[in-house]
Amino acid sequence: MSLTPLQQSVLSALTAEWQTPVQIAERLPDASVNPTDVNQALKDLLREGLAQANPVVLGLYRLAIRGTDKGTEE
């Protein structure tokens, strides 16, 4: 999968800790990024197995193990 610039930014903002889309958006270099755009990027990253959604608490996301590999490849 070829990542868009926003997807790359969201992937680099993800950590091993659970975060909300708002927290992720705050960590992005472009301050004008809307949390709704972050949600869409997260959905794409989830589909590719690069991000992980919390199965217990809705709306929390973190970096998946596969995402750490992808982040170091590019």
PDB file of N, CA and C in Angstrom:
ATOM      1  N   MET A   1       0.846  -1.185   0.000  1.00  0.00           N
ATOM      2  CA  MET A   1       0.000   0.000   0.000  1.00  0.00           C
ATOM      3  C   MET A   1       0.886   1.240   0.000  1.00  0.00           C
ATOM      4  N   SER A   2       0.560   2.157  -0.848  1.00  0.00           N
ATOM      5  CA  SER A   2       1.249   3.439  -0.890  1.00  0.00           C
ATOM      6  C   SER A   2       0.475   4.412   0.003  1.00  0.00           C
ATOM      7  N   LEU A   3       1.141   4.957   0.997  1.00  0.00           N
ATOM      8  CA  LEU A   3       0.480   5.841   1.958  1.00  0.00           C
ATOM      9  C   LEU A   3       0.448   7.282   1.462  1.00  0.00           C
ATOM     10  N   THR A   4      -0.669   7.952   1.720  1.00  0.00           N
ATOM     11  CA  THR A   4      -0.781   9.377   1.424  1.00  0.00           C
ATOM     12  C   THR A   4       0.038  10.147   2.458  1.00  0.00           C
ATOM     13  N   PRO A   5       0.332  11.415   2.203  1.00  0.00           N
ATOM     14  CA  PRO A   5       1.059  12.208   3.201  1.00  0.00           C
ATOM     15  C   PRO A   5       0.341  12.253   4.557  1.00  0.00           C
ATOM     16  N   LEU A   6      -0.990  12.362   4.546  1.00  0.00           N
ATOM     17  CA  LEU A   6      -1.732  12.383   5.814  1.00  0.00           C
ATOM     18  C   LEU A   6      -1.616  11.041   6.524  1.00  0.00           C
ATOM     19  N   GLN A   7      -1.739   9.946   5.791  1.00  0.00           N
ATOM     20  CA  GLN A   7      -1.610   8.623   6.403  1.00  0.00           C
ATOM     21  C   GLN A   7      -0.215   8.434   6.992  1.00  0.00           C
ATOM     22  N   GLN A   8       0.807   8.914   6.296  1.00  0.00           N
ATOM     23  CA  GLN A   8       2.175   8.826   6.805  1.00  0.00           C
ATOM     24  C   GLN A   8       2.328   9.633   8.086  1.00  0.00           C
ATOM     25  N   SER A   9       1.720  10.828   8.122  1.00  0.00           N
ATOM     26  CA  SER A   9       1.792  11.669   9.317  1.00  0.00           C
ATOM     27  C   SER A   9       1.078  11.016  10.489  1.00  0.00           C
ATOM     28  N   VAL A  10      -0.112  10.461  10.231  1.00  0.00           N
ATOM     29  CA  VAL A  10      -0.870   9.796  11.299  1.00  0.00           C
ATOM     30  C   VAL A  10      -0.094   8.583  11.795  1.00  0.00           C
ATOM     31  N   LEU A  11       0.477   7.813  10.884  1.00  0.00           N
ATOM     32  CA  LEU A  11       1.262   6.644  11.274  1.00  0.00           C
ATOM     33  C   LEU A  11       2.441   7.053  12.148  1.00  0.00           C
ATOM     34  N   SER A  12       3.107   8.134  11.801  1.00  0.00           N
ATOM     35  CA  SER A  12       4.256   8.579  12.598  1.00  0.00           C
ATOM     36  C   SER A  12       3.827   9.176  13.938  1.00  0.00           C
ATOM     37  N   ALA A  13       2.577   9.649  14.039  1.00  0.00           N
ATOM     38  CA  ALA A  13       2.081  10.214  15.297  1.00  0.00           C
ATOM     39  C   ALA A  13       1.573   9.139  16.255  1.00  0.00           C
ATOM     40  N   LEU A  14       1.286   7.956  15.728  1.00  0.00           N
ATOM     41  CA  LEU A  14       0.810   6.873  16.586  1.00  0.00           C
ATOM     42  C   LEU A  14       1.945   6.357  17.458  1.00  0.00           C
ATOM     43  N   THR A  15       1.588   5.935  18.659  1.00  0.00           N
ATOM     44  CA  THR A  15       2.555   5.351  19.587  1.00  0.00           C
ATOM     45  C   THR A  15       1.995   4.023  20.090  1.00  0.00           C
ATOM     46  N   ALA A  16       2.685   3.392  21.002  1.00  0.00           N
ATOM     47  CA  ALA A  16       2.208   2.149  21.603  1.00  0.00           C
ATOM     48  C   ALA A  16       1.100   2.412  22.622  1.00  0.00           C
ATOM     49  N   GLU A  17       0.923   3.672  23.011  1.00  0.00           N
ATOM     50  CA  GLU A  17      -0.126   4.045  23.968  1.00  0.00           C
ATOM     51  C   GLU A  17      -1.423   4.320  23.226  1.00  0.00           C
ATOM     52  N   TRP A  18      -2.553   4.007  23.860  1.00  0.00           N
ATOM     53  CA  TRP A  18      -3.863   4.276  23.267  1.00  0.00           C
ATOM     54  C   TRP A  18      -4.097   5.779  23.213  1.00  0.00           C
ATOM     55  N   GLN A  19      -4.571   6.275  22.063  1.00  0.00           N
ATOM     56  CA  GLN A  19      -4.831   7.699  21.861  1.00  0.00           C
ATOM     57  C   GLN A  19      -6.147   7.895  21.121  1.00  0.00           C
ATOM     58  N   THR A  20      -6.765   9.051  21.337  1.00  0.00           N
ATOM     59  CA  THR A  20      -7.959   9.424  20.585  1.00  0.00           C
ATOM     60  C   THR A  20      -7.523  10.110  19.288  1.00  0.00           C
ATOM     61  N   PRO A  21      -8.424  10.201  18.306  1.00  0.00           N
ATOM     62  CA  PRO A  21      -8.080  10.929  17.080  1.00  0.00           C
ATOM     63  C   PRO A  21      -7.690  12.384  17.344  1.00  0.00           C
ATOM     64  N   VAL A  22      -8.294  13.015  18.338  1.00  0.00           N
ATOM     65  CA  VAL A  22      -7.944  14.404  18.672  1.00  0.00           C
ATOM     66  C   VAL A  22      -6.501  14.471  19.166  1.00  0.00           C
ATOM     67  N   GLN A  23      -6.109  13.540  20.026  1.00  0.00           N
ATOM     68  CA  GLN A  23      -4.729  13.517  20.517  1.00  0.00           C
ATOM     69  C   GLN A  23      -3.747  13.286  19.370  1.00  0.00           C
ATOM     70  N   ILE A  24      -4.120  12.412  18.453  1.00  0.00           N
ATOM     71  CA  ILE A  24      -3.258  12.144  17.301  1.00  0.00           C
ATOM     72  C   ILE A  24      -3.147  13.395  16.433  1.00  0.00           C
ATOM     73  N   ALA A  25      -4.274  14.059  16.183  1.00  0.00           N
ATOM     74  CA  ALA A  25      -4.277  15.280  15.366  1.00  0.00           C
ATOM     75  C   ALA A  25      -3.389  16.355  15.983  1.00  0.00           C
ATOM     76  N   GLU A  26      -3.373  16.444  17.312  1.00  0.00           N
ATOM     77  CA  GLU A  26      -2.544  17.444  17.998  1.00  0.00           C
ATOM     78  C   GLU A  26      -1.057  17.177  17.801  1.00  0.00           C
ATOM     79  N   ARG A  27      -0.678  15.948  17.529  1.00  0.00           N
ATOM     80  CA  ARG A  27       0.731  15.588  17.356  1.00  0.00           C
ATOM     81  C   ARG A  27       1.210  15.742  15.917  1.00  0.00           C
ATOM     82  N   LEU A  28       0.293  16.040  15.004  1.00  0.00           N
ATOM     83  CA  LEU A  28       0.666  16.162  13.595  1.00  0.00           C
ATOM     84  C   LEU A  28       1.338  17.503  13.331  1.00  0.00           C
ATOM     85  N   PRO A  29       2.294  17.537  12.409  1.00  0.00           N
ATOM     86  CA  PRO A  29       3.006  18.782  12.118  1.00  0.00           C
ATOM     87  C   PRO A  29       2.107  19.869  11.534  1.00  0.00           C
ATOM     88  N   ASP A  30       1.086  19.481  10.778  1.00  0.00           N
ATOM     89  CA  ASP A  30       0.162  20.449  10.185  1.00  0.00           C
ATOM     90  C   ASP A  30      -0.984  20.680  11.159  1.00  0.00           C
ATOM     91  N   ALA A  31      -0.980  21.812  11.833  1.00  0.00           N
ATOM     92  CA  ALA A  31      -1.963  22.099  12.882  1.00  0.00           C
ATOM     93  C   ALA A  31      -3.386  22.219  12.350  1.00  0.00           C
ATOM     94  N   SER A  32      -3.543  22.370  11.046  1.00  0.00           N
ATOM     95  CA  SER A  32      -4.880  22.554  10.489  1.00  0.00           C
ATOM     96  C   SER A  32      -5.589  21.231  10.184  1.00  0.00           C
ATOM     97  N   VAL A  33      -4.968  20.109  10.511  1.00  0.00           N
ATOM     98  CA  VAL A  33      -5.580  18.806  10.226  1.00  0.00           C
ATOM     99  C   VAL A  33      -6.791  18.603  11.125  1.00  0.00           C
ATOM    100  N   ASN A  34      -7.893  18.245  10.503  1.00  0.00           N
ATOM    101  CA  ASN A  34      -9.158  18.021  11.189  1.00  0.00           C
ATOM    102  C   ASN A  34      -9.185  16.597  11.753  1.00  0.00           C
ATOM    103  N   PRO A  35      -9.675  16.409  12.994  1.00  0.00           N
ATOM    104  CA  PRO A  35      -9.790  15.049  13.542  1.00  0.00           C
ATOM    105  C   PRO A  35     -10.626  14.112  12.663  1.00  0.00           C
ATOM    106  N   THR A  36     -11.564  14.663  11.892  1.00  0.00           N
ATOM    107  CA  THR A  36     -12.348  13.835  10.973  1.00  0.00           C
ATOM    108  C   THR A  36     -11.442  13.244   9.893  1.00  0.00           C
ATOM    109  N   ASP A  37     -10.493  14.037   9.408  1.00  0.00           N
ATOM    110  CA  ASP A  37      -9.530  13.535   8.423  1.00  0.00           C
ATOM    111  C   ASP A  37      -8.628  12.468   9.046  1.00  0.00           C
ATOM    112  N   VAL A  38      -8.286  12.675  10.318  1.00  0.00           N
ATOM    113  CA  VAL A  38      -7.476  11.692  11.040  1.00  0.00           C
ATOM    114  C   VAL A  38      -8.251  10.382  11.154  1.00  0.00           C
ATOM    115  N   ASN A  39      -9.562  10.471  11.428  1.00  0.00           N
ATOM    116  CA  ASN A  39     -10.392   9.263  11.512  1.00  0.00           C
ATOM    117  C   ASN A  39     -10.326   8.459  10.222  1.00  0.00           C
ATOM    118  N   GLN A  40     -10.438   9.138   9.086  1.00  0.00           N
ATOM    119  CA  GLN A  40     -10.398   8.431   7.803  1.00  0.00           C
ATOM    120  C   GLN A  40      -9.036   7.782   7.586  1.00  0.00           C
ATOM    121  N   ALA A  41      -7.978   8.504   7.913  1.00  0.00           N
ATOM    122  CA  ALA A  41      -6.634   7.937   7.771  1.00  0.00           C
ATOM    123  C   ALA A  41      -6.468   6.730   8.693  1.00  0.00           C
ATOM    124  N   LEU A  42      -7.019   6.821   9.909  1.00  0.00           N
ATOM    125  CA  LEU A  42      -6.950   5.695  10.842  1.00  0.00           C
ATOM    126  C   LEU A  42      -7.684   4.478  10.288  1.00  0.00           C
ATOM    127  N   LYS A  43      -8.846   4.692   9.686  1.00  0.00           N
ATOM    128  CA  LYS A  43      -9.596   3.574   9.094  1.00  0.00           C
ATOM    129  C   LYS A  43      -8.757   2.882   8.021  1.00  0.00           C
ATOM    130  N   ASP A  44      -8.081   3.678   7.206  1.00  0.00           N
ATOM    131  CA  ASP A  44      -7.228   3.112   6.161  1.00  0.00           C
ATOM    132  C   ASP A  44      -6.063   2.330   6.772  1.00  0.00           C
ATOM    133  N   LEU A  45      -5.451   2.891   7.813  1.00  0.00           N
ATOM    134  CA  LEU A  45      -4.330   2.222   8.475  1.00  0.00           C
ATOM    135  C   LEU A  45      -4.786   0.952   9.190  1.00  0.00           C
ATOM    136  N   LEU A  46      -5.994   0.979   9.765  1.00  0.00           N
ATOM    137  CA  LEU A  46      -6.555  -0.216  10.400  1.00  0.00           C
ATOM    138  C   LEU A  46      -6.743  -1.325   9.368  1.00  0.00           C
ATOM    139  N   ARG A  47      -7.285  -0.967   8.227  1.00  0.00           N
ATOM    140  CA  ARG A  47      -7.540  -1.935   7.158  1.00  0.00           C
ATOM    141  C   ARG A  47      -6.239  -2.602   6.703  1.00  0.00           C
ATOM    142  N   GLU A  48      -5.153  -1.846   6.721  1.00  0.00           N
ATOM    143  CA  GLU A  48      -3.854  -2.373   6.294  1.00  0.00           C
ATOM    144  C   GLU A  48      -3.096  -3.070   7.426  1.00  0.00           C
ATOM    145  N   GLY A  49      -3.652  -3.039   8.640  1.00  0.00           N
ATOM    146  CA  GLY A  49      -3.003  -3.685   9.771  1.00  0.00           C
ATOM    147  C   GLY A  49      -1.871  -2.882  10.379  1.00  0.00           C
ATOM    148  N   LEU A  50      -1.806  -1.584  10.064  1.00  0.00           N
ATOM    149  CA  LEU A  50      -0.736  -0.730  10.580  1.00  0.00           C
ATOM    150  C   LEU A  50      -1.112  -0.059  11.895  1.00  0.00           C
ATOM    151  N   ALA A  51      -2.412   0.034  12.164  1.00  0.00           N
ATOM    152  CA  ALA A  51      -2.918   0.613  13.410  1.00  0.00           C
ATOM    153  C   ALA A  51      -3.846  -0.408  14.053  1.00  0.00           C
ATOM    154  N   GLN A  52      -4.115  -0.201  15.333  1.00  0.00           N
ATOM    155  CA  GLN A  52      -4.963  -1.124  16.085  1.00  0.00           C
ATOM    156  C   GLN A  52      -5.999  -0.315  16.852  1.00  0.00           C
ATOM    157  N   ALA A  53      -7.255  -0.765  16.814  1.00  0.00           N
ATOM    158  CA  ALA A  53      -8.332  -0.130  17.573  1.00  0.00           C
ATOM    159  C   ALA A  53      -8.500  -0.874  18.891  1.00  0.00           C
ATOM    160  N   ASN A  54      -8.791  -0.121  19.945  1.00  0.00           N
ATOM    161  CA  ASN A  54      -9.021  -0.723  21.253  1.00  0.00           C
ATOM    162  C   ASN A  54     -10.325  -1.516  21.201  1.00  0.00           C
ATOM    163  N   PRO A  55     -10.296  -2.808  21.542  1.00  0.00           N
ATOM    164  CA  PRO A  55     -11.509  -3.620  21.464  1.00  0.00           C
ATOM    165  C   PRO A  55     -12.493  -3.357  22.603  1.00  0.00           C
ATOM    166  N   VAL A  56     -12.053  -2.683  23.651  1.00  0.00           N
ATOM    167  CA  VAL A  56     -12.904  -2.441  24.815  1.00  0.00           C
ATOM    168  C   VAL A  56     -13.428  -1.014  24.843  1.00  0.00           C
ATOM    169  N   VAL A  57     -12.555  -0.050  24.587  1.00  0.00           N
ATOM    170  CA  VAL A  57     -12.929   1.363  24.637  1.00  0.00           C
ATOM    171  C   VAL A  57     -12.929   1.910  23.212  1.00  0.00           C
ATOM    172  N   LEU A  58     -14.112   2.242  22.718  1.00  0.00           N
ATOM    173  CA  LEU A  58     -14.226   2.761  21.357  1.00  0.00           C
ATOM    174  C   LEU A  58     -13.526   4.111  21.227  1.00  0.00           C
ATOM    175  N   GLY A  59     -12.928   4.343  20.069  1.00  0.00           N
ATOM    176  CA  GLY A  59     -12.312   5.636  19.796  1.00  0.00           C
ATOM    177  C   GLY A  59     -10.880   5.770  20.262  1.00  0.00           C
ATOM    178  N   LEU A  60     -10.245   4.664  20.646  1.00  0.00           N
ATOM    179  CA  LEU A  60      -8.836   4.698  21.022  1.00  0.00           C
ATOM    180  C   LEU A  60      -8.038   3.844  20.044  1.00  0.00           C
ATOM    181  N   TYR A  61      -6.893   4.368  19.648  1.00  0.00           N
ATOM    182  CA  TYR A  61      -6.071   3.710  18.636  1.00  0.00           C
ATOM    183  C   TYR A  61      -4.610   3.730  19.062  1.00  0.00           C
ATOM    184  N   ARG A  62      -3.856   2.771  18.540  1.00  0.00           N
ATOM    185  CA  ARG A  62      -2.412   2.743  18.771  1.00  0.00           C
ATOM    186  C   ARG A  62      -1.722   2.107  17.579  1.00  0.00           C
ATOM    187  N   LEU A  63      -0.427   2.194  17.588  1.00  0.00           N
ATOM    188  CA  LEU A  63       0.394   1.631  16.528  1.00  0.00           C
ATOM    189  C   LEU A  63       0.389   0.110  16.644  1.00  0.00           C
ATOM    190  N   ALA A  64       0.158  -0.579  15.546  1.00  0.00           N
ATOM    191  CA  ALA A  64       0.241  -2.038  15.513  1.00  0.00           C
ATOM    192  C   ALA A  64       1.690  -2.440  15.264  1.00  0.00           C
ATOM    193  N   ILE A  65       2.023  -3.661  15.588  1.00  0.00           N
ATOM    194  CA  ILE A  65       3.395  -4.133  15.383  1.00  0.00           C
ATOM    195  C   ILE A  65       3.799  -3.977  13.922  1.00  0.00           C
ATOM    196  N   ARG A  66       2.897  -4.285  13.018  1.00  0.00           N
ATOM    197  CA  ARG A  66       3.192  -4.141  11.583  1.00  0.00           C
ATOM    198  C   ARG A  66       3.442  -2.676  11.222  1.00  0.00           C
ATOM    199  N   GLY A  67       2.804  -1.759  11.942  1.00  0.00           N
ATOM    200  CA  GLY A  67       2.998  -0.335  11.692  1.00  0.00           C
ATOM    201  C   GLY A  67       4.392   0.139  12.037  1.00  0.00           C
ATOM    202  N   THR A  68       5.015  -0.483  13.033  1.00  0.00           N
ATOM    203  CA  THR A  68       6.382  -0.092  13.380  1.00  0.00           C
ATOM    204  C   THR A  68       7.333  -0.473  12.259  1.00  0.00           C
ATOM    205  N   ASP A  69       7.081  -1.610  11.618  1.00  0.00           N
ATOM    206  CA  ASP A  69       7.916  -2.022  10.484  1.00  0.00           C
ATOM    207  C   ASP A  69       7.738  -1.072   9.310  1.00  0.00           C
ATOM    208  N   LYS A  70       6.498  -0.694   9.029  1.00  0.00           N
ATOM    209  CA  LYS A  70       6.198   0.195   7.898  1.00  0.00           C
ATOM    210  C   LYS A  70       6.820   1.569   8.131  1.00  0.00           C
ATOM    211  N   GLY A  71       6.783   2.023   9.384  1.00  0.00           N
ATOM    212  CA  GLY A  71       7.338   3.333   9.691  1.00  0.00           C
ATOM    213  C   GLY A  71       8.839   3.402   9.476  1.00  0.00           C
ATOM    214  N   THR A  72       9.531   2.276   9.661  1.00  0.00           N
ATOM    215  CA  THR A  72      10.977   2.282   9.478  1.00  0.00           C
ATOM    216  C   THR A  72      11.376   2.029   8.033  1.00  0.00           C
ATOM    217  N   GLU A  73      10.450   1.490   7.230  1.00  0.00           N
ATOM    218  CA  GLU A  73      10.756   1.223   5.824  1.00  0.00           C
ATOM    219  C   GLU A  73      10.846   2.493   5.004  1.00  0.00           C
ATOM    220  N   GLU A  74      10.017   3.489   5.335  1.00  0.00           N
ATOM    221  CA  GLU A  74       9.916   4.674   4.477  1.00  0.00           C
ATOM    222  C   GLU A  74      10.701   5.825   5.006  1.00  0.00           C
TER     223      GLU A  74
END
